[in-house]
Amino acid sequence: TEYVAEEQQVDKIKYLVNGLLGIAEHEEINEDFVLFYY
């Protein structure tokens, strides 16, 4: 949500949301991994 709030191109927000799908697929996920991708 912090990334979404600061995004300059509104059409990119769908990709930020799609990333949540990938996160939800993992029972455990490394925070550094998420930060690196975003």
PDB file of all heavy atoms in Angstrom:
ATOM      1  N   THR A   1       0.824  -1.206   0.000  1.00  0.00           N
ATOM      2  CA  THR A   1       0.000   0.000   0.000  1.00  0.00           C
ATOM      3  C   THR A   1       0.859   1.258   0.000  1.00  0.00           C
ATOM      4  O   THR A   1       0.515   2.266  -0.633  1.00  0.00           O
ATOM      5  CB  THR A   1      -0.942   0.006   1.220  1.00  0.00           C
ATOM      6  OG1 THR A   1      -1.748  -1.173   1.198  1.00  0.00           O
ATOM      7  CG2 THR A   1      -1.855   1.224   1.204  1.00  0.00           C
ATOM      8  N   GLU A   2       2.002   1.214   0.672  1.00  0.00           N
ATOM      9  CA  GLU A   2       2.921   2.360   0.659  1.00  0.00           C
ATOM     10  C   GLU A   2       3.463   2.600  -0.746  1.00  0.00           C
ATOM     11  O   GLU A   2       3.583   3.749  -1.196  1.00  0.00           O
ATOM     12  CB  GLU A   2       4.068   2.119   1.644  1.00  0.00           C
ATOM     13  CG  GLU A   2       3.648   2.142   3.104  1.00  0.00           C
ATOM     14  CD  GLU A   2       4.812   1.871   4.039  1.00  0.00           C
ATOM     15  OE1 GLU A   2       5.977   2.046   3.604  1.00  0.00           O
ATOM     16  OE2 GLU A   2       4.583   1.465   5.189  1.00  0.00           O
ATOM     17  N   TYR A   3       3.812   1.513  -1.441  1.00  0.00           N
ATOM     18  CA  TYR A   3       4.265   1.660  -2.826  1.00  0.00           C
ATOM     19  C   TYR A   3       3.141   2.226  -3.701  1.00  0.00           C
ATOM     20  O   TYR A   3       3.387   3.068  -4.565  1.00  0.00           O
ATOM     21  CB  TYR A   3       4.734   0.316  -3.391  1.00  0.00           C
ATOM     22  CG  TYR A   3       6.102  -0.128  -2.942  1.00  0.00           C
ATOM     23  CD1 TYR A   3       6.265  -1.033  -1.904  1.00  0.00           C
ATOM     24  CD2 TYR A   3       7.253   0.349  -3.579  1.00  0.00           C
ATOM     25  CE1 TYR A   3       7.522  -1.445  -1.487  1.00  0.00           C
ATOM     26  CE2 TYR A   3       8.517  -0.072  -3.182  1.00  0.00           C
ATOM     27  CZ  TYR A   3       8.649  -0.970  -2.139  1.00  0.00           C
ATOM     28  OH  TYR A   3       9.900  -1.373  -1.731  1.00  0.00           O
ATOM     29  N   VAL A   4       1.925   1.734  -3.484  1.00  0.00           N
ATOM     30  CA  VAL A   4       0.779   2.215  -4.263  1.00  0.00           C
ATOM     31  C   VAL A   4       0.582   3.712  -4.038  1.00  0.00           C
ATOM     32  O   VAL A   4       0.367   4.481  -4.989  1.00  0.00           O
ATOM     33  CB  VAL A   4      -0.507   1.441  -3.870  1.00  0.00           C
ATOM     34  CG1 VAL A   4      -1.745   2.132  -4.450  1.00  0.00           C
ATOM     35  CG2 VAL A   4      -0.434   0.001  -4.359  1.00  0.00           C
ATOM     36  N   ALA A   5       0.653   4.151  -2.783  1.00  0.00           N
ATOM     37  CA  ALA A   5       0.407   5.553  -2.451  1.00  0.00           C
ATOM     38  C   ALA A   5       1.374   6.486  -3.179  1.00  0.00           C
ATOM     39  O   ALA A   5       1.011   7.603  -3.560  1.00  0.00           O
ATOM     40  CB  ALA A   5       0.510   5.754  -0.940  1.00  0.00           C
ATOM     41  N   GLU A   6       2.600   6.027  -3.396  1.00  0.00           N
ATOM     42  CA  GLU A   6       3.628   6.876  -3.998  1.00  0.00           C
ATOM     43  C   GLU A   6       3.743   6.707  -5.507  1.00  0.00           C
ATOM     44  O   GLU A   6       4.521   7.423  -6.148  1.00  0.00           O
ATOM     45  CB  GLU A   6       4.989   6.564  -3.348  1.00  0.00           C
ATOM     46  CG  GLU A   6       5.083   6.956  -1.883  1.00  0.00           C
ATOM     47  CD  GLU A   6       4.864   8.452  -1.678  1.00  0.00           C
ATOM     48  OE1 GLU A   6       5.377   9.247  -2.491  1.00  0.00           O
ATOM     49  OE2 GLU A   6       4.148   8.822  -0.730  1.00  0.00           O
ATOM     50  N   GLU A   7       3.002   5.778  -6.099  1.00  0.00           N
ATOM     51  CA  GLU A   7       3.160   5.482  -7.524  1.00  0.00           C
ATOM     52  C   GLU A   7       2.696   6.653  -8.399  1.00  0.00           C
ATOM     53  O   GLU A   7       1.627   7.217  -8.193  1.00  0.00           O
ATOM     54  CB  GLU A   7       2.358   4.221  -7.890  1.00  0.00           C
ATOM     55  CG  GLU A   7       2.450   3.822  -9.346  1.00  0.00           C
ATOM     56  CD  GLU A   7       3.864   3.720  -9.852  1.00  0.00           C
ATOM     57  OE1 GLU A   7       4.679   3.011  -9.225  1.00  0.00           O
ATOM     58  OE2 GLU A   7       4.156   4.362 -10.873  1.00  0.00           O
ATOM     59  N   GLN A   8       3.530   7.015  -9.389  1.00  0.00           N
ATOM     60  CA  GLN A   8       3.223   8.123 -10.278  1.00  0.00           C
ATOM     61  C   GLN A   8       2.321   7.704 -11.442  1.00  0.00           C
ATOM     62  O   GLN A   8       1.559   8.522 -11.966  1.00  0.00           O
ATOM     63  CB  GLN A   8       4.525   8.721 -10.842  1.00  0.00           C
ATOM     64  CG  GLN A   8       5.462   9.278  -9.780  1.00  0.00           C
ATOM     65  CD  GLN A   8       4.843  10.417  -8.996  1.00  0.00           C
ATOM     66  OE1 GLN A   8       4.144  11.255  -9.561  1.00  0.00           O
ATOM     67  NE2 GLN A   8       5.076  10.452  -7.694  1.00  0.00           N
ATOM     68  N   GLN A   9       2.435   6.447 -11.883  1.00  0.00           N
ATOM     69  CA  GLN A   9       1.657   5.974 -13.026  1.00  0.00           C
ATOM     70  C   GLN A   9       0.540   5.051 -12.535  1.00  0.00           C
ATOM     71  O   GLN A   9       0.789   3.927 -12.114  1.00  0.00           O
ATOM     72  CB  GLN A   9       2.558   5.229 -14.016  1.00  0.00           C
ATOM     73  CG  GLN A   9       3.595   6.120 -14.695  1.00  0.00           C
ATOM     74  CD  GLN A   9       4.402   5.356 -15.733  1.00  0.00           C
ATOM     75  OE1 GLN A   9       5.120   4.422 -15.393  1.00  0.00           O
ATOM     76  NE2 GLN A   9       4.317   5.758 -16.988  1.00  0.00           N
ATOM     77  N   VAL A  10      -0.676   5.539 -12.625  1.00  0.00           N
ATOM     78  CA  VAL A  10      -1.796   4.796 -12.056  1.00  0.00           C
ATOM     79  C   VAL A  10      -1.971   3.435 -12.726  1.00  0.00           C
ATOM     80  O   VAL A  10      -2.413   2.469 -12.077  1.00  0.00           O
ATOM     81  CB  VAL A  10      -3.091   5.639 -12.156  1.00  0.00           C
ATOM     82  CG1 VAL A  10      -3.558   5.789 -13.592  1.00  0.00           C
ATOM     83  CG2 VAL A  10      -4.188   5.061 -11.289  1.00  0.00           C
ATOM     84  N   ASP A  11      -1.615   3.311 -13.998  1.00  0.00           N
ATOM     85  CA  ASP A  11      -1.770   2.030 -14.691  1.00  0.00           C
ATOM     86  C   ASP A  11      -0.782   0.969 -14.204  1.00  0.00           C
ATOM     87  O   ASP A  11      -0.920  -0.206 -14.557  1.00  0.00           O
ATOM     88  CB  ASP A  11      -1.613   2.219 -16.201  1.00  0.00           C
ATOM     89  CG  ASP A  11      -2.812   2.906 -16.840  1.00  0.00           C
ATOM     90  OD1 ASP A  11      -3.879   2.919 -16.194  1.00  0.00           O
ATOM     91  OD2 ASP A  11      -2.692   3.425 -17.960  1.00  0.00           O
ATOM     92  N   LYS A  12       0.200   1.366 -13.412  1.00  0.00           N
ATOM     93  CA  LYS A  12       1.136   0.395 -12.842  1.00  0.00           C
ATOM     94  C   LYS A  12       0.580  -0.275 -11.590  1.00  0.00           C
ATOM     95  O   LYS A  12       1.108  -1.298 -11.141  1.00  0.00           O
ATOM     96  CB  LYS A  12       2.468   1.076 -12.482  1.00  0.00           C
ATOM     97  CG  LYS A  12       3.574   0.899 -13.505  1.00  0.00           C
ATOM     98  CD  LYS A  12       4.843   1.590 -13.046  1.00  0.00           C
ATOM     99  CE  LYS A  12       5.455   0.915 -11.835  1.00  0.00           C
ATOM    100  NZ  LYS A  12       6.643   1.637 -11.341  1.00  0.00           N
ATOM    101  N   ILE A  13      -0.483   0.287 -11.036  1.00  0.00           N
ATOM    102  CA  ILE A  13      -0.996  -0.211  -9.760  1.00  0.00           C
ATOM    103  C   ILE A  13      -1.490  -1.648  -9.875  1.00  0.00           C
ATOM    104  O   ILE A  13      -1.378  -2.438  -8.939  1.00  0.00           O
ATOM    105  CB  ILE A  13      -2.081   0.743  -9.216  1.00  0.00           C
ATOM    106  CG1 ILE A  13      -1.426   2.071  -8.824  1.00  0.00           C
ATOM    107  CG2 ILE A  13      -2.822   0.135  -8.027  1.00  0.00           C
ATOM    108  CD1 ILE A  13      -2.395   3.171  -8.436  1.00  0.00           C
ATOM    109  N   LYS A  14      -2.003  -2.022 -11.044  1.00  0.00           N
ATOM    110  CA  LYS A  14      -2.456  -3.409 -11.221  1.00  0.00           C
ATOM    111  C   LYS A  14      -1.299  -4.389 -11.029  1.00  0.00           C
ATOM    112  O   LYS A  14      -1.496  -5.496 -10.526  1.00  0.00           O
ATOM    113  CB  LYS A  14      -3.082  -3.598 -12.597  1.00  0.00           C
ATOM    114  CG  LYS A  14      -2.171  -3.318 -13.767  1.00  0.00           C
ATOM    115  CD  LYS A  14      -2.932  -3.396 -15.090  1.00  0.00           C
ATOM    116  CE  LYS A  14      -2.065  -2.982 -16.268  1.00  0.00           C
ATOM    117  NZ  LYS A  14      -2.829  -2.971 -17.532  1.00  0.00           N
ATOM    118  N   TYR A  15      -0.089  -3.984 -11.398  1.00  0.00           N
ATOM    119  CA  TYR A  15       1.059  -4.861 -11.202  1.00  0.00           C
ATOM    120  C   TYR A  15       1.439  -4.952  -9.721  1.00  0.00           C
ATOM    121  O   TYR A  15       1.806  -6.022  -9.232  1.00  0.00           O
ATOM    122  CB  TYR A  15       2.251  -4.360 -12.021  1.00  0.00           C
ATOM    123  CG  TYR A  15       1.967  -4.261 -13.501  1.00  0.00           C
ATOM    124  CD1 TYR A  15       2.237  -3.099 -14.212  1.00  0.00           C
ATOM    125  CD2 TYR A  15       1.402  -5.326 -14.201  1.00  0.00           C
ATOM    126  CE1 TYR A  15       1.957  -2.995 -15.569  1.00  0.00           C
ATOM    127  CE2 TYR A  15       1.120  -5.236 -15.562  1.00  0.00           C
ATOM    128  CZ  TYR A  15       1.403  -4.069 -16.238  1.00  0.00           C
ATOM    129  OH  TYR A  15       1.125  -3.967 -17.579  1.00  0.00           O
ATOM    130  N   LEU A  16       1.328  -3.832  -9.018  1.00  0.00           N
ATOM    131  CA  LEU A  16       1.591  -3.843  -7.575  1.00  0.00           C
ATOM    132  C   LEU A  16       0.611  -4.778  -6.869  1.00  0.00           C
ATOM    133  O   LEU A  16       0.995  -5.537  -5.967  1.00  0.00           O
ATOM    134  CB  LEU A  16       1.465  -2.421  -7.017  1.00  0.00           C
ATOM    135  CG  LEU A  16       2.518  -1.403  -7.486  1.00  0.00           C
ATOM    136  CD1 LEU A  16       2.051   0.014  -7.222  1.00  0.00           C
ATOM    137  CD2 LEU A  16       3.850  -1.651  -6.802  1.00  0.00           C
ATOM    138  N   VAL A  17      -0.653  -4.732  -7.279  1.00  0.00           N
ATOM    139  CA  VAL A  17      -1.673  -5.607  -6.686  1.00  0.00           C
ATOM    140  C   VAL A  17      -1.427  -7.054  -7.077  1.00  0.00           C
ATOM    141  O   VAL A  17      -1.552  -7.967  -6.246  1.00  0.00           O
ATOM    142  CB  VAL A  17      -3.080  -5.146  -7.107  1.00  0.00           C
ATOM    143  CG1 VAL A  17      -4.140  -6.170  -6.673  1.00  0.00           C
ATOM    144  CG2 VAL A  17      -3.395  -3.786  -6.494  1.00  0.00           C
ATOM    145  N   ASN A  18      -1.065  -7.307  -8.346  1.00  0.00           N
ATOM    146  CA  ASN A  18      -0.785  -8.677  -8.780  1.00  0.00           C
ATOM    147  C   ASN A  18       0.319  -9.317  -7.947  1.00  0.00           C
ATOM    148  O   ASN A  18       0.310 -10.528  -7.714  1.00  0.00           O
ATOM    149  CB  ASN A  18      -0.376  -8.692 -10.259  1.00  0.00           C
ATOM    150  CG  ASN A  18      -1.554  -8.536 -11.198  1.00  0.00           C
ATOM    151  OD1 ASN A  18      -2.703  -8.703 -10.797  1.00  0.00           O
ATOM    152  ND2 ASN A  18      -1.285  -8.197 -12.437  1.00  0.00           N
ATOM    153  N   GLY A  19       1.276  -8.497  -7.502  1.00  0.00           N
ATOM    154  CA  GLY A  19       2.341  -9.022  -6.658  1.00  0.00           C
ATOM    155  C   GLY A  19       1.826  -9.608  -5.354  1.00  0.00           C
ATOM    156  O   GLY A  19       2.416 -10.540  -4.805  1.00  0.00           O
ATOM    157  N   LEU A  20       0.700  -9.068  -4.871  1.00  0.00           N
ATOM    158  CA  LEU A  20       0.098  -9.618  -3.652  1.00  0.00           C
ATOM    159  C   LEU A  20      -0.357 -11.060  -3.866  1.00  0.00           C
ATOM    160  O   LEU A  20      -0.376 -11.859  -2.927  1.00  0.00           O
ATOM    161  CB  LEU A  20      -1.085  -8.765  -3.198  1.00  0.00           C
ATOM    162  CG  LEU A  20      -0.750  -7.442  -2.497  1.00  0.00           C
ATOM    163  CD1 LEU A  20      -2.015  -6.621  -2.293  1.00  0.00           C
ATOM    164  CD2 LEU A  20      -0.043  -7.696  -1.168  1.00  0.00           C
ATOM    165  N   LEU A  21      -0.741 -11.393  -5.113  1.00  0.00           N
ATOM    166  CA  LEU A  21      -1.115 -12.771  -5.417  1.00  0.00           C
ATOM    167  C   LEU A  21       0.073 -13.701  -5.178  1.00  0.00           C
ATOM    168  O   LEU A  21      -0.071 -14.770  -4.597  1.00  0.00           O
ATOM    169  CB  LEU A  21      -1.561 -12.896  -6.879  1.00  0.00           C
ATOM    170  CG  LEU A  21      -2.855 -12.195  -7.292  1.00  0.00           C
ATOM    171  CD1 LEU A  21      -3.051 -12.327  -8.792  1.00  0.00           C
ATOM    172  CD2 LEU A  21      -4.039 -12.772  -6.557  1.00  0.00           C
ATOM    173  N   GLY A  22       1.246 -13.260  -5.681  1.00  0.00           N
ATOM    174  CA  GLY A  22       2.454 -14.064  -5.486  1.00  0.00           C
ATOM    175  C   GLY A  22       2.803 -14.204  -4.018  1.00  0.00           C
ATOM    176  O   GLY A  22       3.212 -15.281  -3.564  1.00  0.00           O
ATOM    177  N   ILE A  23       2.647 -13.131  -3.270  1.00  0.00           N
ATOM    178  CA  ILE A  23       2.948 -13.176  -1.833  1.00  0.00           C
ATOM    179  C   ILE A  23       1.991 -14.127  -1.128  1.00  0.00           C
ATOM    180  O   ILE A  23       2.399 -14.920  -0.264  1.00  0.00           O
ATOM    181  CB  ILE A  23       2.852 -11.758  -1.230  1.00  0.00           C
ATOM    182  CG1 ILE A  23       3.970 -10.867  -1.801  1.00  0.00           C
ATOM    183  CG2 ILE A  23       2.947 -11.811   0.299  1.00  0.00           C
ATOM    184  CD1 ILE A  23       3.849  -9.403  -1.420  1.00  0.00           C
ATOM    185  N   ALA A  24       0.716 -14.076  -1.488  1.00  0.00           N
ATOM    186  CA  ALA A  24      -0.296 -14.921  -0.837  1.00  0.00           C
ATOM    187  C   ALA A  24      -0.063 -16.402  -1.108  1.00  0.00           C
ATOM    188  O   ALA A  24      -0.516 -17.252  -0.335  1.00  0.00           O
ATOM    189  CB  ALA A  24      -1.689 -14.515  -1.301  1.00  0.00           C
ATOM    190  N   GLU A  25       0.644 -16.719  -2.190  1.00  0.00           N
ATOM    191  CA  GLU A  25       0.911 -18.113  -2.532  1.00  0.00           C
ATOM    192  C   GLU A  25       1.944 -18.750  -1.608  1.00  0.00           C
ATOM    193  O   GLU A  25       2.061 -19.961  -1.547  1.00  0.00           O
ATOM    194  CB  GLU A  25       1.393 -18.222  -3.984  1.00  0.00           C
ATOM    195  CG  GLU A  25       0.309 -18.007  -5.031  1.00  0.00           C
ATOM    196  CD  GLU A  25      -0.704 -19.136  -5.047  1.00  0.00           C
ATOM    197  OE1 GLU A  25      -0.374 -20.256  -4.607  1.00  0.00           O
ATOM    198  OE2 GLU A  25      -1.845 -18.899  -5.496  1.00  0.00           O
ATOM    199  N   HIS A  26       2.713 -17.934  -0.901  1.00  0.00           N
ATOM    200  CA  HIS A  26       3.790 -18.451  -0.051  1.00  0.00           C
ATOM    201  C   HIS A  26       3.349 -18.474   1.409  1.00  0.00           C
ATOM    202  O   HIS A  26       2.869 -17.465   1.928  1.00  0.00           O
ATOM    203  CB  HIS A  26       5.044 -17.582  -0.169  1.00  0.00           C
ATOM    204  CG  HIS A  26       5.688 -17.618  -1.529  1.00  0.00           C
ATOM    205  ND1 HIS A  26       5.190 -16.894  -2.597  1.00  0.00           N
ATOM    206  CD2 HIS A  26       6.766 -18.287  -1.991  1.00  0.00           C
ATOM    207  CE1 HIS A  26       5.942 -17.107  -3.659  1.00  0.00           C
ATOM    208  NE2 HIS A  26       6.905 -17.947  -3.321  1.00  0.00           N
ATOM    209  N   GLU A  27       3.517 -19.611   2.051  1.00  0.00           N
ATOM    210  CA  GLU A  27       3.229 -19.671   3.483  1.00  0.00           C
ATOM    211  C   GLU A  27       4.231 -18.822   4.255  1.00  0.00           C
ATOM    212  O   GLU A  27       3.908 -18.202   5.254  1.00  0.00           O
ATOM    213  CB  GLU A  27       3.272 -21.126   3.970  1.00  0.00           C
ATOM    214  CG  GLU A  27       2.121 -21.971   3.428  1.00  0.00           C
ATOM    215  CD  GLU A  27       2.094 -23.354   4.044  1.00  0.00           C
ATOM    216  OE1 GLU A  27       2.890 -23.604   4.978  1.00  0.00           O
ATOM    217  OE2 GLU A  27       1.278 -24.180   3.607  1.00  0.00           O
ATOM    218  N   GLU A  28       5.473 -18.826   3.785  1.00  0.00           N
ATOM    219  CA  GLU A  28       6.503 -17.967   4.357  1.00  0.00           C
ATOM    220  C   GLU A  28       7.259 -17.329   3.206  1.00  0.00           C
ATOM    221  O   GLU A  28       7.559 -17.990   2.214  1.00  0.00           O
ATOM    222  CB  GLU A  28       7.470 -18.767   5.248  1.00  0.00           C
ATOM    223  CG  GLU A  28       6.835 -19.288   6.526  1.00  0.00           C
ATOM    224  CD  GLU A  28       7.860 -19.928   7.456  1.00  0.00           C
ATOM    225  OE1 GLU A  28       9.064 -19.739   7.220  1.00  0.00           O
ATOM    226  OE2 GLU A  28       7.438 -20.616   8.394  1.00  0.00           O
ATOM    227  N   ILE A  29       7.559 -16.052   3.327  1.00  0.00           N
ATOM    228  CA  ILE A  29       8.273 -15.353   2.268  1.00  0.00           C
ATOM    229  C   ILE A  29       9.243 -14.362   2.910  1.00  0.00           C
ATOM    230  O   ILE A  29       8.926 -13.739   3.923  1.00  0.00           O
ATOM    231  CB  ILE A  29       7.286 -14.644   1.310  1.00  0.00           C
ATOM    232  CG1 ILE A  29       8.001 -14.149   0.064  1.00  0.00           C
ATOM    233  CG2 ILE A  29       6.541 -13.536   1.993  1.00  0.00           C
ATOM    234  CD1 ILE A  29       7.057 -13.720  -1.052  1.00  0.00           C
ATOM    235  N   ASN A  30      10.411 -14.251   2.320  1.00  0.00           N
ATOM    236  CA  ASN A  30      11.460 -13.395   2.871  1.00  0.00           C
ATOM    237  C   ASN A  30      11.167 -11.922   2.580  1.00  0.00           C
ATOM    238  O   ASN A  30      10.853 -11.562   1.451  1.00  0.00           O
ATOM    239  CB  ASN A  30      12.810 -13.815   2.258  1.00  0.00           C
ATOM    240  CG  ASN A  30      13.971 -13.058   2.863  1.00  0.00           C
ATOM    241  OD1 ASN A  30      14.228 -11.924   2.475  1.00  0.00           O
ATOM    242  ND2 ASN A  30      14.662 -13.676   3.802  1.00  0.00           N
ATOM    243  N   GLU A  31      11.274 -11.091   3.602  1.00  0.00           N
ATOM    244  CA  GLU A  31      10.984  -9.666   3.427  1.00  0.00           C
ATOM    245  C   GLU A  31      11.937  -9.017   2.429  1.00  0.00           C
ATOM    246  O   GLU A  31      11.531  -8.165   1.628  1.00  0.00           O
ATOM    247  CB  GLU A  31      11.071  -8.936   4.770  1.00  0.00           C
ATOM    248  CG  GLU A  31      10.727  -7.456   4.670  1.00  0.00           C
ATOM    249  CD  GLU A  31      10.697  -6.774   6.026  1.00  0.00           C
ATOM    250  OE1 GLU A  31      10.801  -7.472   7.052  1.00  0.00           O
ATOM    251  OE2 GLU A  31      10.570  -5.533   6.052  1.00  0.00           O
ATOM    252  N   ASP A  32      13.219  -9.407   2.452  1.00  0.00           N
ATOM    253  CA  ASP A  32      14.177  -8.841   1.501  1.00  0.00           C
ATOM    254  C   ASP A  32      13.779  -9.160   0.064  1.00  0.00           C
ATOM    255  O   ASP A  32      13.956  -8.343  -0.847  1.00  0.00           O
ATOM    256  CB  ASP A  32      15.588  -9.383   1.769  1.00  0.00           C
ATOM    257  CG  ASP A  32      16.192  -8.816   3.037  1.00  0.00           C
ATOM    258  OD1 ASP A  32      15.753  -7.723   3.456  1.00  0.00           O
ATOM    259  OD2 ASP A  32      17.095  -9.444   3.609  1.00  0.00           O
ATOM    260  N   PHE A  33      13.236 -10.363  -0.151  1.00  0.00           N
ATOM    261  CA  PHE A  33      12.774 -10.764  -1.479  1.00  0.00           C
ATOM    262  C   PHE A  33      11.653  -9.833  -1.946  1.00  0.00           C
ATOM    263  O   PHE A  33      11.668  -9.343  -3.087  1.00  0.00           O
ATOM    264  CB  PHE A  33      12.281 -12.214  -1.422  1.00  0.00           C
ATOM    265  CG  PHE A  33      11.515 -12.685  -2.629  1.00  0.00           C
ATOM    266  CD1 PHE A  33      12.173 -13.210  -3.729  1.00  0.00           C
ATOM    267  CD2 PHE A  33      10.127 -12.589  -2.667  1.00  0.00           C
ATOM    268  CE1 PHE A  33      11.459 -13.637  -4.841  1.00  0.00           C
ATOM    269  CE2 PHE A  33       9.410 -13.018  -3.771  1.00  0.00           C
ATOM    270  CZ  PHE A  33      10.085 -13.541  -4.867  1.00  0.00           C
ATOM    271  N   VAL A  34      10.687  -9.597  -1.078  1.00  0.00           N
ATOM    272  CA  VAL A  34       9.555  -8.739  -1.430  1.00  0.00           C
ATOM    273  C   VAL A  34      10.033  -7.321  -1.727  1.00  0.00           C
ATOM    274  O   VAL A  34       9.648  -6.711  -2.743  1.00  0.00           O
ATOM    275  CB  VAL A  34       8.505  -8.723  -0.298  1.00  0.00           C
ATOM    276  CG1 VAL A  34       7.388  -7.738  -0.610  1.00  0.00           C
ATOM    277  CG2 VAL A  34       7.935 -10.124  -0.087  1.00  0.00           C
ATOM    278  N   LEU A  35      10.884  -6.787  -0.867  1.00  0.00           N
ATOM    279  CA  LEU A  35      11.388  -5.427  -1.060  1.00  0.00           C
ATOM    280  C   LEU A  35      12.191  -5.314  -2.350  1.00  0.00           C
ATOM    281  O   LEU A  35      12.070  -4.327  -3.079  1.00  0.00           O
ATOM    282  CB  LEU A  35      12.258  -5.011   0.130  1.00  0.00           C
ATOM    283  CG  LEU A  35      11.507  -4.737   1.431  1.00  0.00           C
ATOM    284  CD1 LEU A  35      12.496  -4.575   2.584  1.00  0.00           C
ATOM    285  CD2 LEU A  35      10.635  -3.491   1.310  1.00  0.00           C
ATOM    286  N   PHE A  36      12.997  -6.334  -2.655  1.00  0.00           N
ATOM    287  CA  PHE A  36      13.811  -6.323  -3.869  1.00  0.00           C
ATOM    288  C   PHE A  36      12.929  -6.282  -5.109  1.00  0.00           C
ATOM    289  O   PHE A  36      13.153  -5.486  -6.035  1.00  0.00           O
ATOM    290  CB  PHE A  36      14.722  -7.550  -3.895  1.00  0.00           C
ATOM    291  CG  PHE A  36      15.571  -7.651  -5.132  1.00  0.00           C
ATOM    292  CD1 PHE A  36      16.473  -6.659  -5.450  1.00  0.00           C
ATOM    293  CD2 PHE A  36      15.460  -8.748  -5.973  1.00  0.00           C
ATOM    294  CE1 PHE A  36      17.263  -6.738  -6.591  1.00  0.00           C
ATOM    295  CE2 PHE A  36      16.241  -8.844  -7.123  1.00  0.00           C
ATOM    296  CZ  PHE A  36      17.137  -7.836  -7.431  1.00  0.00           C
ATOM    297  N   TYR A  37      11.898  -7.125  -5.140  1.00  0.00           N
ATOM    298  CA  TYR A  37      11.002  -7.150  -6.293  1.00  0.00           C
ATOM    299  C   TYR A  37      10.247  -5.836  -6.439  1.00  0.00           C
ATOM    300  O   TYR A  37      10.134  -5.279  -7.543  1.00  0.00           O
ATOM    301  CB  TYR A  37      10.019  -8.321  -6.180  1.00  0.00           C
ATOM    302  CG  TYR A  37      10.507  -9.584  -6.850  1.00  0.00           C
ATOM    303  CD1 TYR A  37      11.713 -10.177  -6.482  1.00  0.00           C
ATOM    304  CD2 TYR A  37       9.773 -10.177  -7.862  1.00  0.00           C
ATOM    305  CE1 TYR A  37      12.165 -11.331  -7.109  1.00  0.00           C
ATOM    306  CE2 TYR A  37      10.217 -11.339  -8.506  1.00  0.00           C
ATOM    307  CZ  TYR A  37      11.409 -11.911  -8.119  1.00  0.00           C
ATOM    308  OH  TYR A  37      11.859 -13.035  -8.743  1.00  0.00           O
ATOM    309  N   TYR A  38       9.718  -5.318  -5.338  1.00  0.00           N
ATOM    310  CA  TYR A  38       8.935  -4.087  -5.415  1.00  0.00           C
ATOM    311  C   TYR A  38       9.811  -2.866  -5.663  1.00  0.00           C
ATOM    312  O   TYR A  38       9.393  -1.926  -6.353  1.00  0.00           O
ATOM    313  CB  TYR A  38       8.079  -3.913  -4.166  1.00  0.00           C
ATOM    314  CG  TYR A  38       6.749  -4.625  -4.282  1.00  0.00           C
ATOM    315  CD1 TYR A  38       6.595  -5.941  -3.854  1.00  0.00           C
ATOM    316  CD2 TYR A  38       5.640  -3.992  -4.851  1.00  0.00           C
ATOM    317  CE1 TYR A  38       5.384  -6.608  -3.996  1.00  0.00           C
ATOM    318  CE2 TYR A  38       4.429  -4.647  -4.984  1.00  0.00           C
ATOM    319  CZ  TYR A  38       4.308  -5.953  -4.563  1.00  0.00           C
ATOM    320  OH  TYR A  38       3.108  -6.607  -4.709  1.00  0.00           O
TER     321      TYR A  38
END
